[in-house]
C-alpha atoms as a PDB file:
ATOM      1  CA  MET A   1      10.338   3.121  14.612  1.00  0.00           C
ATOM      2  CA  SER A   2      13.166   0.684  13.968  1.00  0.00           C
ATOM      3  CA  ASP A   3      12.667  -0.959  17.357  1.00  0.00           C
ATOM      4  CA  THR A   4       8.895  -1.175  17.080  1.00  0.00           C
ATOM      5  CA  LEU A   5       8.742  -2.404  13.491  1.00  0.00           C
ATOM      6  CA  ALA A   6       8.914  -5.962  14.767  1.00  0.00           C
ATOM      7  CA  ARG A   7       7.463  -8.559  12.395  1.00  0.00           C
ATOM      8  CA  PRO A   8       5.697  -5.875  10.312  1.00  0.00           C
ATOM      9  CA  LEU A   9       2.795  -6.387   7.946  1.00  0.00           C
ATOM     10  CA  VAL A  10       2.659  -3.594   5.367  1.00  0.00           C
ATOM     11  CA  MET A  11      -0.675  -3.073   3.635  1.00  0.00           C
ATOM     12  CA  SER A  12      -0.517  -2.086  -0.033  1.00  0.00           C
ATOM     13  CA  PRO A  13      -3.790  -1.279  -1.824  1.00  0.00           C
ATOM     14  CA  HIS A  14      -2.294  -2.100  -5.246  1.00  0.00           C
ATOM     15  CA  PHE A  15       0.880  -3.869  -6.297  1.00  0.00           C
ATOM     16  CA  ASP A  16       3.056  -0.747  -6.395  1.00  0.00           C
ATOM     17  CA  ASP A  17       1.762   1.348  -3.499  1.00  0.00           C
ATOM     18  CA  ALA A  18       3.882   0.023  -0.628  1.00  0.00           C
ATOM     19  CA  VAL A  19       7.103   0.228  -2.635  1.00  0.00           C
ATOM     20  CA  PHE A  20       6.284   3.680  -4.021  1.00  0.00           C
ATOM     21  CA  SER A  21       5.299   5.026  -0.594  1.00  0.00           C
ATOM     22  CA  CYS A  22       7.727   3.288   1.779  1.00  0.00           C
ATOM     23  CA  GLY A  23      10.228   1.321  -0.283  1.00  0.00           C
ATOM     24  CA  ALA A  24      13.206   2.656   1.690  1.00  0.00           C
ATOM     25  CA  THR A  25      11.447   1.633   4.897  1.00  0.00           C
ATOM     26  CA  LEU A  26      11.049  -1.880   3.508  1.00  0.00           C
ATOM     27  CA  ALA A  27      14.717  -1.954   2.497  1.00  0.00           C
ATOM     28  CA  ALA A  28      15.666  -1.037   6.067  1.00  0.00           C
ATOM     29  CA  HIS A  29      13.502  -3.848   7.486  1.00  0.00           C
ATOM     30  CA  PRO A  30      14.180  -7.023   5.460  1.00  0.00           C
ATOM     31  CA  GLY A  31      11.623  -9.750   5.950  1.00  0.00           C
ATOM     32  CA  ALA A  32       8.638  -7.399   6.164  1.00  0.00           C
ATOM     33  CA  VAL A  33       5.442  -8.858   4.710  1.00  0.00           C
ATOM     34  CA  VAL A  34       3.707  -6.778   2.028  1.00  0.00           C
ATOM     35  CA  TYR A  35       0.027  -7.644   1.637  1.00  0.00           C
ATOM     36  CA  THR A  36      -1.476  -6.414  -1.640  1.00  0.00           C
ATOM     37  CA  VAL A  37      -5.227  -6.037  -1.217  1.00  0.00           C
ATOM     38  CA  PHE A  38      -6.559  -5.447  -4.743  1.00  0.00           C
ATOM     39  CA  SER A  39      -4.865  -8.227  -6.672  1.00  0.00           C
ATOM     40  CA  GLY A  40      -7.926 -10.169  -7.789  1.00  0.00           C
ATOM     41  CA  CYS A  41      -8.079 -11.126 -11.439  1.00  0.00           C
ATOM     42  CA  PRO A  42     -11.077  -9.911 -13.482  1.00  0.00           C
ATOM     43  CA  ALA A  43     -12.491 -11.642 -16.546  1.00  0.00           C
ATOM     44  CA  ALA A  44     -10.063 -11.941 -19.448  1.00  0.00           C
ATOM     45  CA  ASP A  45     -12.230  -9.842 -21.781  1.00  0.00           C
ATOM     46  CA  VAL A  46     -12.238  -6.770 -19.512  1.00  0.00           C
ATOM     47  CA  MET A  47     -10.252  -3.801 -20.796  1.00  0.00           C
ATOM     48  CA  THR A  48      -9.770  -0.409 -19.139  1.00  0.00           C
ATOM     49  CA  LYS A  49      -8.160   2.827 -20.257  1.00  0.00           C
ATOM     50  CA  TRP A  50      -5.429   2.525 -17.609  1.00  0.00           C
ATOM     51  CA  ASP A  51      -4.505  -1.009 -18.653  1.00  0.00           C
ATOM     52  CA  ARG A  52      -4.309   0.133 -22.261  1.00  0.00           C
ATOM     53  CA  GLN A  53      -1.982   2.976 -21.258  1.00  0.00           C
ATOM     54  CA  CYS A  54       0.195   0.412 -19.462  1.00  0.00           C
ATOM     55  CA  GLY A  55       0.501  -1.568 -22.698  1.00  0.00           C
ATOM     56  CA  PHE A  56      -1.772  -4.528 -21.927  1.00  0.00           C
ATOM     57  CA  ASP A  57      -4.278  -6.354 -24.133  1.00  0.00           C
ATOM     58  CA  ASN A  58      -6.744  -7.086 -21.343  1.00  0.00           C
ATOM     59  CA  ALA A  59      -7.150  -6.975 -17.558  1.00  0.00           C
ATOM     60  CA  ALA A  60      -6.140 -10.588 -16.957  1.00  0.00           C
ATOM     61  CA  HIS A  61      -2.886  -9.986 -18.804  1.00  0.00           C
ATOM     62  CA  ALA A  62      -2.359  -6.790 -16.815  1.00  0.00           C
ATOM     63  CA  MET A  63      -2.835  -8.425 -13.416  1.00  0.00           C
ATOM     64  CA  HIS A  64      -0.565 -11.338 -14.300  1.00  0.00           C
ATOM     65  CA  GLU A  65       2.261  -9.033 -15.370  1.00  0.00           C
ATOM     66  CA  ARG A  66       1.771  -6.703 -12.404  1.00  0.00           C
ATOM     67  CA  SER A  67       2.049  -9.681 -10.087  1.00  0.00           C
ATOM     68  CA  LEU A  68       5.378 -10.623 -11.659  1.00  0.00           C
ATOM     69  CA  GLU A  69       6.593  -7.031 -11.425  1.00  0.00           C
ATOM     70  CA  ASN A  70       5.627  -6.949  -7.774  1.00  0.00           C
ATOM     71  CA  HIS A  71       7.533 -10.133  -6.972  1.00  0.00           C
ATOM     72  CA  ARG A  72      10.638  -8.703  -8.628  1.00  0.00           C
ATOM     73  CA  ALA A  73      10.328  -5.433  -6.701  1.00  0.00           C
ATOM     74  CA  LEU A  74       9.813  -7.107  -3.331  1.00  0.00           C
ATOM     75  CA  ASP A  75      12.693  -9.474  -4.001  1.00  0.00           C
ATOM     76  CA  VAL A  76      14.990  -6.448  -4.382  1.00  0.00           C
ATOM     77  CA  LEU A  77      13.843  -5.241  -0.950  1.00  0.00           C
ATOM     78  CA  SER A  78      13.949  -8.709   0.688  1.00  0.00           C
ATOM     79  CA  ALA A  79      10.233  -8.355   1.452  1.00  0.00           C
ATOM     80  CA  VAL A  80       7.727 -11.204   1.601  1.00  0.00           C
ATOM     81  CA  PRO A  81       4.660 -11.005  -0.708  1.00  0.00           C
ATOM     82  CA  ASP A  82       1.130 -11.844   0.377  1.00  0.00           C
ATOM     83  CA  ARG A  83      -2.085 -10.902  -1.367  1.00  0.00           C
ATOM     84  CA  GLY A  84      -5.831 -10.722  -1.244  1.00  0.00           C
ATOM     85  CA  ASP A  85      -8.199 -11.465  -4.091  1.00  0.00           C
ATOM     86  CA  PHE A  86     -10.223  -8.261  -4.115  1.00  0.00           C
ATOM     87  CA  LEU A  87     -10.961  -6.441  -7.367  1.00  0.00           C
ATOM     88  CA  ASP A  88      -9.352  -3.094  -8.146  1.00  0.00           C
ATOM     89  CA  ALA A  89     -11.958  -0.314  -8.389  1.00  0.00           C
ATOM     90  CA  GLN A  90     -11.418  -0.014 -12.143  1.00  0.00           C
ATOM     91  CA  TYR A  91     -12.669  -3.603 -12.552  1.00  0.00           C
ATOM     92  CA  VAL A  92     -15.651  -3.516 -10.188  1.00  0.00           C
ATOM     93  CA  PRO A  93     -18.094  -2.093 -12.817  1.00  0.00           C
ATOM     94  CA  PHE A  94     -17.485  -5.217 -14.919  1.00  0.00           C
ATOM     95  CA  ALA A  95     -18.138  -7.665 -12.064  1.00  0.00           C
ATOM     96  CA  LEU A  96     -21.248  -8.900 -10.278  1.00  0.00           C
ATOM     97  CA  PRO A  97     -22.311  -6.672  -7.355  1.00  0.00           C
ATOM     98  CA  ALA A  98     -21.495  -9.478  -4.914  1.00  0.00           C
ATOM     99  CA  HIS A  99     -17.844  -9.299  -6.004  1.00  0.00           C
ATOM    100  CA  ALA A 100     -17.426  -5.648  -5.006  1.00  0.00           C
ATOM    101  CA  PRO A 101     -14.944  -5.402  -2.094  1.00  0.00           C
ATOM    102  CA  THR A 102     -16.261  -4.225   1.272  1.00  0.00           C
ATOM    103  CA  GLN A 103     -14.568  -2.726   4.288  1.00  0.00           C
ATOM    104  CA  ASP A 104     -15.558  -5.690   6.458  1.00  0.00           C
ATOM    105  CA  ALA A 105     -14.297  -8.288   3.973  1.00  0.00           C
ATOM    106  CA  ILE A 106     -10.926  -6.541   3.721  1.00  0.00           C
ATOM    107  CA  ALA A 107     -10.722  -6.354   7.521  1.00  0.00           C
ATOM    108  CA  GLN A 108     -11.368 -10.087   7.800  1.00  0.00           C
ATOM    109  CA  ALA A 109      -8.657 -10.820   5.217  1.00  0.00           C
ATOM    110  CA  LEU A 110      -6.267  -8.615   7.191  1.00  0.00           C
ATOM    111  CA  TYR A 111      -7.034 -10.537  10.389  1.00  0.00           C
ATOM    112  CA  ARG A 112      -6.127 -13.780   8.644  1.00  0.00           C
ATOM    113  CA  SER A 113      -2.882 -12.366   7.290  1.00  0.00           C
ATOM    114  CA  LEU A 114      -1.874 -10.965  10.697  1.00  0.00           C
ATOM    115  CA  HIS A 115      -2.320 -14.396  12.269  1.00  0.00           C
ATOM    116  CA  ARG A 116      -0.703 -16.201   9.349  1.00  0.00           C
ATOM    117  CA  HIS A 117       2.476 -14.162   9.669  1.00  0.00           C
ATOM    118  CA  GLY A 118       2.442 -13.529  13.410  1.00  0.00           C
ATOM    119  CA  ALA A 119       2.751  -9.796  12.760  1.00  0.00           C
ATOM    120  CA  ARG A 120       3.081  -7.401  15.688  1.00  0.00           C
ATOM    121  CA  THR A 121       3.331  -4.174  13.700  1.00  0.00           C
ATOM    122  CA  LEU A 122       0.782  -2.944  11.174  1.00  0.00           C
ATOM    123  CA  VAL A 123       1.810  -0.406   8.523  1.00  0.00           C
ATOM    124  CA  ILE A 124      -1.113   1.062   6.605  1.00  0.00           C
ATOM    125  CA  PRO A 125      -1.799   3.750   3.994  1.00  0.00           C
ATOM    126  CA  LEU A 126      -3.290   7.029   5.149  1.00  0.00           C
ATOM    127  CA  GLY A 127      -5.780   6.399   2.364  1.00  0.00           C
ATOM    128  CA  LEU A 128      -5.527   9.588   0.363  1.00  0.00           C
ATOM    129  CA  PHE A 129      -7.815  10.454  -2.569  1.00  0.00           C
ATOM    130  CA  HIS A 130      -8.187   7.055  -4.306  1.00  0.00           C
ATOM    131  CA  SER A 131     -11.294   5.083  -3.296  1.00  0.00           C
ATOM    132  CA  ASP A 132      -9.301   1.846  -3.024  1.00  0.00           C
ATOM    133  CA  HIS A 133      -6.756   3.497  -0.742  1.00  0.00           C
ATOM    134  CA  GLU A 134      -9.459   4.961   1.463  1.00  0.00           C
ATOM    135  CA  LEU A 135     -11.242   1.592   1.730  1.00  0.00           C
ATOM    136  CA  VAL A 136      -8.017  -0.123   2.815  1.00  0.00           C
ATOM    137  CA  HIS A 137      -7.246   2.629   5.315  1.00  0.00           C
ATOM    138  CA  ARG A 138     -10.653   2.327   6.970  1.00  0.00           C
ATOM    139  CA  ALA A 139     -10.538  -1.471   7.116  1.00  0.00           C
ATOM    140  CA  CYS A 140      -7.031  -1.402   8.589  1.00  0.00           C
ATOM    141  CA  THR A 141      -7.981   1.227  11.150  1.00  0.00           C
ATOM    142  CA  ASP A 142     -10.924  -0.917  12.254  1.00  0.00           C
ATOM    143  CA  VAL A 143      -8.608  -3.889  12.780  1.00  0.00           C
ATOM    144  CA  TRP A 144      -6.047  -1.838  14.677  1.00  0.00           C
ATOM    145  CA  LEU A 145      -8.676  -0.290  16.970  1.00  0.00           C
ATOM    146  CA  ALA A 146      -9.974  -3.770  17.777  1.00  0.00           C
ATOM    147  CA  ASN A 147      -6.427  -5.034  18.488  1.00  0.00           C
ATOM    148  CA  PRO A 148      -4.713  -2.401  20.653  1.00  0.00           C
ATOM    149  CA  GLU A 149      -1.668  -4.619  21.168  1.00  0.00           C
ATOM    150  CA  LEU A 150      -0.673  -3.917  17.555  1.00  0.00           C
ATOM    151  CA  VAL A 151       1.717  -1.049  16.923  1.00  0.00           C
ATOM    152  CA  CYS A 152       0.367   0.934  13.979  1.00  0.00           C
ATOM    153  CA  PHE A 153       2.069   3.287  11.538  1.00  0.00           C
ATOM    154  CA  ALA A 154       0.478   5.039   8.571  1.00  0.00           C
ATOM    155  CA  TYR A 155       2.425   6.024   5.475  1.00  0.00           C
ATOM    156  CA  GLU A 156       1.634   8.920   3.187  1.00  0.00           C
ATOM    157  CA  ASP A 157       0.352   7.570  -0.116  1.00  0.00           C
ATOM    158  CA  ALA A 158       2.910   8.508  -2.780  1.00  0.00           C
ATOM    159  CA  LEU A 159       1.595  10.685  -5.618  1.00  0.00           C
ATOM    160  CA  TYR A 160      -1.731  11.361  -3.867  1.00  0.00           C
ATOM    161  CA  ARG A 161      -0.090  13.141  -0.926  1.00  0.00           C
ATOM    162  CA  ARG A 162       0.757  15.952  -3.327  1.00  0.00           C
ATOM    163  CA  LEU A 163      -2.891  16.709  -4.031  1.00  0.00           C
ATOM    164  CA  ALA A 164      -4.061  19.851  -2.273  1.00  0.00           C
ATOM    165  CA  GLY A 165      -5.676  19.252   1.102  1.00  0.00           C
ATOM    166  CA  GLN A 166      -5.688  15.454   1.022  1.00  0.00           C
ATOM    167  CA  LEU A 167      -3.313  14.980   3.947  1.00  0.00           C
ATOM    168  CA  GLN A 168      -5.095  17.612   6.031  1.00  0.00           C
ATOM    169  CA  ILE A 169      -8.481  16.005   5.391  1.00  0.00           C
ATOM    170  CA  ARG A 170      -7.237  12.636   6.636  1.00  0.00           C
ATOM    171  CA  MET A 171      -5.566  14.104   9.727  1.00  0.00           C
ATOM    172  CA  ALA A 172      -8.748  15.938  10.660  1.00  0.00           C
ATOM    173  CA  GLU A 173     -10.745  12.732  10.207  1.00  0.00           C
ATOM    174  CA  LEU A 174      -8.367  10.823  12.475  1.00  0.00           C
ATOM    175  CA  VAL A 175      -8.667  13.458  15.186  1.00  0.00           C
ATOM    176  CA  SER A 176     -12.449  13.240  14.956  1.00  0.00           C
ATOM    177  CA  ARG A 177     -12.126   9.502  15.723  1.00  0.00           C
ATOM    178  CA  GLY A 178      -9.932  10.103  18.754  1.00  0.00           C
ATOM    179  CA  ILE A 179      -6.725   9.083  16.957  1.00  0.00           C
ATOM    180  CA  ILE A 180      -3.544  11.147  17.078  1.00  0.00           C
ATOM    181  CA  ALA A 181      -0.820  10.870  14.437  1.00  0.00           C
ATOM    182  CA  THR A 182       2.796  11.672  15.294  1.00  0.00           C
ATOM    183  CA  PRO A 183       5.438  11.972  12.551  1.00  0.00           C
ATOM    184  CA  VAL A 184       8.273   9.459  12.815  1.00  0.00           C
ATOM    185  CA  ILE A 185      11.841  10.509  12.082  1.00  0.00           C
ATOM    186  CA  GLU A 186      14.539   7.882  11.603  1.00  0.00           C
ATOM    187  CA  ASN A 187      18.198   8.316  10.683  1.00  0.00           C
ATOM    188  CA  TRP A 188      18.152   5.298   8.368  1.00  0.00           C
ATOM    189  CA  ARG A 189      15.877   7.175   5.948  1.00  0.00           C
ATOM    190  CA  ALA A 190      18.957   8.969   4.620  1.00  0.00           C
ATOM    191  CA  ASP A 191      20.919   5.729   4.130  1.00  0.00           C
ATOM    192  CA  PRO A 192      22.043   5.717   0.462  1.00  0.00           C
ATOM    193  CA  SER A 193      21.811   1.922   0.247  1.00  0.00           C
ATOM    194  CA  HIS A 194      18.127   1.948   1.210  1.00  0.00           C
ATOM    195  CA  GLN A 195      17.355   4.688  -1.278  1.00  0.00           C
ATOM    196  CA  ALA A 196      19.255   2.829  -3.994  1.00  0.00           C
ATOM    197  CA  ALA A 197      17.324  -0.363  -3.258  1.00  0.00           C
ATOM    198  CA  LYS A 198      14.052   1.546  -3.495  1.00  0.00           C
ATOM    199  CA  ARG A 199      15.023   3.019  -6.870  1.00  0.00           C
ATOM    200  CA  GLU A 200      15.852  -0.443  -8.162  1.00  0.00           C
ATOM    201  CA  ALA A 201      12.554  -1.824  -6.833  1.00  0.00           C
ATOM    202  CA  VAL A 202      10.522   1.010  -8.371  1.00  0.00           C
ATOM    203  CA  LYS A 203      12.022   0.210 -11.788  1.00  0.00           C
ATOM    204  CA  ALA A 204      10.448  -3.242 -11.576  1.00  0.00           C
ATOM    205  CA  TYR A 205       6.984  -1.708 -12.067  1.00  0.00           C
ATOM    206  CA  ALA A 206       7.704  -0.993 -15.725  1.00  0.00           C
ATOM    207  CA  SER A 207       4.085  -1.070 -16.886  1.00  0.00           C
ATOM    208  CA  GLN A 208       2.922   1.445 -14.277  1.00  0.00           C
ATOM    209  CA  LEU A 209       5.837   3.781 -14.930  1.00  0.00           C
ATOM    210  CA  LYS A 210       5.037   3.686 -18.639  1.00  0.00           C
ATOM    211  CA  ALA A 211       1.514   4.943 -17.978  1.00  0.00           C
ATOM    212  CA  PHE A 212       2.677   7.660 -15.564  1.00  0.00           C
ATOM    213  CA  GLY A 213       5.146   9.039 -18.087  1.00  0.00           C
ATOM    214  CA  PRO A 214       8.746  10.172 -17.420  1.00  0.00           C
ATOM    215  CA  ASP A 215       7.763  13.052 -15.098  1.00  0.00           C
ATOM    216  CA  GLY A 216       4.640  11.541 -13.582  1.00  0.00           C
ATOM    217  CA  TYR A 217       6.092   9.705 -10.607  1.00  0.00           C
ATOM    218  CA  ASP A 218       8.830  11.979  -9.195  1.00  0.00           C
ATOM    219  CA  ASP A 219       7.076  12.032  -5.822  1.00  0.00           C
ATOM    220  CA  VAL A 220       7.948   8.399  -5.131  1.00  0.00           C
ATOM    221  CA  PHE A 221      11.594   9.431  -4.696  1.00  0.00           C
ATOM    222  CA  CYS A 222      10.869  12.272  -2.297  1.00  0.00           C
ATOM    223  CA  THR A 223      11.259  11.809   1.470  1.00  0.00           C
ATOM    224  CA  GLU A 224       9.056   9.050   2.839  1.00  0.00           C
ATOM    225  CA  ARG A 225       6.874  10.064   5.760  1.00  0.00           C
ATOM    226  CA  CYS A 226       5.234   7.745   8.268  1.00  0.00           C
ATOM    227  CA  TRP A 227       3.014   8.630  11.214  1.00  0.00           C
ATOM    228  CA  LYS A 228       2.559   6.604  14.396  1.00  0.00           C
ATOM    229  CA  LEU A 229      -1.117   6.217  15.235  1.00  0.00           C
ATOM    230  CA  GLU A 230      -2.241   6.193  18.864  1.00  0.00           C
ATOM    231  CA  LEU A 231      -5.475   6.687  20.721  1.00  0.00           C
ATOM    232  CA  ALA A 232      -5.834  10.110  22.322  1.00  0.00           C
ATOM    233  CA  ALA A 233      -5.600   9.962  26.121  1.00  0.00           C
END
């Protein structure tokens, strides 16, 4: 994977997902671009239960602070931030129907980012459980299938990969589409410096960690797992 992760673009549904799921991978590949899909800002008067748990007064405040947290985290990992303007699923009910993100719109934004950064490797979420994650996974898979010259890896979504059956459901779905997934093993995953950098980066997402609670995010420090996606022969 180290050799093929040339000029990688890592897709992150929300601000913390890429770092939580593959922060050590990012630390091992400085200069990787992390594209956060759902970073659009809702109206200032919107308030959700999750934002309240994170300690925010409203959604606009939440997205501003999360953006700052994300920049600090990616700076620790020497990663390059990029972002879309799509609304997180928790904000969609408060927006006009035309503002709801679609698979095609996300795919088009991904195309633009790939060209903007000259990426040759695409790293995507497996899209487990969360509707936003699944939407990003499907959009990314569409782009990869239409651009076979791209090398594609899929990471296991931290936290959600622990939910019973989620990983198996996605693997079965990939097989049904003629896609095989092979686990990738790399020696650098055990490098203490990469793990230390990830821990430091994770701490930057203070608002999210507050909502998860002290024992609610242990999975982010477990072994990262990526799968290389290829078309079945």
